[in-house]
C-alpha atoms as a PDB file:
ATOM      1  CA  MET A   1      -9.580  16.847  31.584  1.00  0.00           C
ATOM      2  CA  GLY A   2      -7.699  18.545  28.772  1.00  0.00           C
ATOM      3  CA  PHE A   3      -6.540  16.878  25.588  1.00  0.00           C
ATOM      4  CA  VAL A   4      -4.789  17.781  22.365  1.00  0.00           C
ATOM      5  CA  ALA A   5      -6.827  16.973  19.254  1.00  0.00           C
ATOM      6  CA  ILE A   6      -5.904  16.852  15.597  1.00  0.00           C
ATOM      7  CA  ILE A   7      -9.115  16.952  13.573  1.00  0.00           C
ATOM      8  CA  ASN A   8      -9.543  17.077   9.809  1.00  0.00           C
ATOM      9  CA  ASP A   9     -12.768  18.442   8.320  1.00  0.00           C
ATOM     10  CA  ASN A  10     -13.345  17.038   4.824  1.00  0.00           C
ATOM     11  CA  ALA A  11     -16.582  18.575   3.508  1.00  0.00           C
ATOM     12  CA  GLY A  12     -18.222  18.146   6.922  1.00  0.00           C
ATOM     13  CA  LEU A  13     -16.836  14.697   7.753  1.00  0.00           C
ATOM     14  CA  LEU A  14     -14.602  14.875  10.827  1.00  0.00           C
ATOM     15  CA  ALA A  15     -11.760  12.452  11.506  1.00  0.00           C
ATOM     16  CA  GLY A  16      -8.753  12.695  13.783  1.00  0.00           C
ATOM     17  CA  SER A  17      -7.134  11.680  17.023  1.00  0.00           C
ATOM     18  CA  THR A  18      -6.527  12.894  20.556  1.00  0.00           C
ATOM     19  CA  SER A  19      -3.856  12.491  23.193  1.00  0.00           C
ATOM     20  CA  GLU A  20      -4.141  13.229  26.909  1.00  0.00           C
ATOM     21  CA  ALA A  21      -2.314  12.411  30.107  1.00  0.00           C
ATOM     22  CA  SER A  22      -3.718   9.350  31.833  1.00  0.00           C
ATOM     23  CA  GLU A  23      -5.569   9.886  35.094  1.00  0.00           C
ATOM     24  CA  PHE A  24      -4.475   6.442  36.253  1.00  0.00           C
ATOM     25  CA  TRP A  25      -0.988   5.755  34.873  1.00  0.00           C
ATOM     26  CA  VAL A  26       1.927   8.150  35.420  1.00  0.00           C
ATOM     27  CA  GLY A  27       3.786   8.937  32.206  1.00  0.00           C
ATOM     28  CA  ILE A  28       1.178   7.248  29.985  1.00  0.00           C
ATOM     29  CA  ASP A  29      -0.818   9.090  27.332  1.00  0.00           C
ATOM     30  CA  GLU A  30      -4.342   7.961  26.533  1.00  0.00           C
ATOM     31  CA  ARG A  31      -5.060   7.996  22.810  1.00  0.00           C
ATOM     32  CA  ALA A  32      -8.417   8.087  21.046  1.00  0.00           C
ATOM     33  CA  ASP A  33      -9.792   8.326  17.512  1.00  0.00           C
ATOM     34  CA  ILE A  34     -12.346  10.947  16.530  1.00  0.00           C
ATOM     35  CA  ARG A  35     -15.162  10.430  14.017  1.00  0.00           C
ATOM     36  CA  GLY A  36     -18.037  12.818  13.432  1.00  0.00           C
ATOM     37  CA  VAL A  37     -19.770  15.427  11.313  1.00  0.00           C
ATOM     38  CA  ARG A  38     -20.070  19.182  10.950  1.00  0.00           C
ATOM     39  CA  ALA A  39     -23.167  20.732   9.360  1.00  0.00           C
ATOM     40  CA  GLY A  40     -22.785  24.505   9.212  1.00  0.00           C
ATOM     41  CA  THR A  41     -21.879  25.462  12.763  1.00  0.00           C
ATOM     42  CA  ALA A  42     -23.251  22.257  14.368  1.00  0.00           C
ATOM     43  CA  VAL A  43     -20.470  19.843  15.352  1.00  0.00           C
ATOM     44  CA  SER A  44     -20.981  16.291  16.607  1.00  0.00           C
ATOM     45  CA  PHE A  45     -18.331  13.631  17.115  1.00  0.00           C
ATOM     46  CA  HIS A  46     -17.365  10.578  19.146  1.00  0.00           C
ATOM     47  CA  LYS A  47     -13.984  10.149  20.802  1.00  0.00           C
ATOM     48  CA  TYR A  48     -13.174   6.405  20.800  1.00  0.00           C
ATOM     49  CA  TYR A  49     -10.495   5.316  23.285  1.00  0.00           C
ATOM     50  CA  ASN A  50      -8.599   2.274  22.085  1.00  0.00           C
ATOM     51  CA  GLY A  51      -8.236   0.725  25.547  1.00  0.00           C
ATOM     52  CA  ASP A  52      -4.416   0.603  25.559  1.00  0.00           C
ATOM     53  CA  GLY A  53      -4.339   2.732  28.721  1.00  0.00           C
ATOM     54  CA  ALA A  54      -7.018   2.735  31.367  1.00  0.00           C
ATOM     55  CA  TYR A  55      -9.922   3.557  29.034  1.00  0.00           C
ATOM     56  CA  GLY A  56     -11.870   1.516  26.506  1.00  0.00           C
ATOM     57  CA  HIS A  57     -15.021   3.496  25.775  1.00  0.00           C
ATOM     58  CA  ALA A  58     -16.458   6.354  23.715  1.00  0.00           C
ATOM     59  CA  VAL A  59     -17.381   9.918  24.626  1.00  0.00           C
ATOM     60  CA  THR A  60     -19.963  11.892  22.616  1.00  0.00           C
ATOM     61  CA  TYR A  61     -19.427  15.614  21.950  1.00  0.00           C
ATOM     62  CA  ASP A  62     -22.135  17.928  20.552  1.00  0.00           C
ATOM     63  CA  GLY A  63     -21.344  21.590  20.088  1.00  0.00           C
ATOM     64  CA  THR A  64     -21.420  24.761  18.048  1.00  0.00           C
ATOM     65  CA  LEU A  65     -18.549  26.155  15.998  1.00  0.00           C
ATOM     66  CA  SER A  66     -17.893  29.857  16.591  1.00  0.00           C
ATOM     67  CA  THR A  67     -18.391  32.253  13.685  1.00  0.00           C
ATOM     68  CA  ASP A  68     -14.619  32.753  13.351  1.00  0.00           C
ATOM     69  CA  GLY A  69     -14.033  28.976  13.260  1.00  0.00           C
ATOM     70  CA  GLN A  70     -11.649  29.086  16.221  1.00  0.00           C
ATOM     71  CA  GLN A  71     -13.719  27.420  18.949  1.00  0.00           C
ATOM     72  CA  VAL A  72     -16.317  24.707  19.546  1.00  0.00           C
ATOM     73  CA  GLU A  73     -18.463  24.905  22.672  1.00  0.00           C
ATOM     74  CA  GLY A  74     -21.031  22.365  23.805  1.00  0.00           C
ATOM     75  CA  ARG A  75     -21.730  19.262  25.891  1.00  0.00           C
ATOM     76  CA  TRP A  76     -19.990  15.914  26.257  1.00  0.00           C
ATOM     77  CA  SER A  77     -21.639  12.727  27.504  1.00  0.00           C
ATOM     78  CA  ILE A  78     -20.682   9.202  28.469  1.00  0.00           C
ATOM     79  CA  ASP A  79     -23.186   6.761  29.924  1.00  0.00           C
ATOM     80  CA  ASP A  80     -25.003   8.678  32.703  1.00  0.00           C
ATOM     81  CA  TYR A  81     -22.386  11.444  32.965  1.00  0.00           C
ATOM     82  CA  SER A  82     -22.222  14.709  31.041  1.00  0.00           C
ATOM     83  CA  GLY A  83     -20.742  18.170  31.201  1.00  0.00           C
ATOM     84  CA  THR A  84     -19.711  21.158  29.152  1.00  0.00           C
ATOM     85  CA  PHE A  85     -16.619  21.559  26.995  1.00  0.00           C
ATOM     86  CA  ILE A  86     -14.747  24.192  25.028  1.00  0.00           C
ATOM     87  CA  MET A  87     -12.263  23.293  22.310  1.00  0.00           C
ATOM     88  CA  ALA A  88     -10.112  26.166  21.083  1.00  0.00           C
ATOM     89  CA  ARG A  89      -7.834  26.196  18.085  1.00  0.00           C
ATOM     90  CA  SER A  90      -4.462  27.362  19.273  1.00  0.00           C
ATOM     91  CA  LEU A  91      -1.531  26.217  17.183  1.00  0.00           C
ATOM     92  CA  GLN A  92       0.745  28.818  18.747  1.00  0.00           C
ATOM     93  CA  SER A  93       0.150  27.642  22.311  1.00  0.00           C
ATOM     94  CA  PHE A  94       0.421  24.006  21.145  1.00  0.00           C
ATOM     95  CA  HIS A  95       3.874  24.689  19.704  1.00  0.00           C
ATOM     96  CA  GLU A  96       4.882  26.526  22.889  1.00  0.00           C
ATOM     97  CA  GLU A  97       3.828  23.518  25.006  1.00  0.00           C
ATOM     98  CA  GLU A  98       5.680  21.205  22.632  1.00  0.00           C
ATOM     99  CA  ARG A  99       8.872  23.276  23.083  1.00  0.00           C
ATOM    100  CA  GLU A 100       8.468  23.281  26.873  1.00  0.00           C
ATOM    101  CA  GLU A 101       8.141  19.484  26.900  1.00  0.00           C
ATOM    102  CA  SER A 102      11.291  19.076  24.845  1.00  0.00           C
ATOM    103  CA  VAL A 103      13.461  21.110  27.231  1.00  0.00           C
ATOM    104  CA  GLU A 104      15.525  18.909  29.507  1.00  0.00           C
ATOM    105  CA  VAL A 105      16.074  20.250  32.999  1.00  0.00           C
ATOM    106  CA  ARG A 106      19.011  18.940  34.987  1.00  0.00           C
ATOM    107  CA  THR A 107      19.194  19.442  38.714  1.00  0.00           C
ATOM    108  CA  PRO A 108      22.598  19.036  40.358  1.00  0.00           C
ATOM    109  CA  VAL A 109      22.693  16.470  43.137  1.00  0.00           C
ATOM    110  CA  ASN A 110      24.853  17.332  46.156  1.00  0.00           C
END
């Protein structure tokens, strides 16, 4: 499941938010708050869903920041489930996706 995250790092304290398409509700975005810490290259944060959509829980992420600061790779966990994740900084592709979403396509009806 992909999501777009905006995360601020203030002297190692992480805070931000995420948005992702709902798995359960068409046209609904799930939103969550992020709180965590970064110590050197170690990154740990929780993604707290507010429950407005289908979710109302937290996911834990523990990872390592790449040396160039462009990627975090690690493991996520929730209850008895876990897996791997990669978060990549990509403002250019984010802006390209934003432009694609704002384009209105009209299909003629015959």
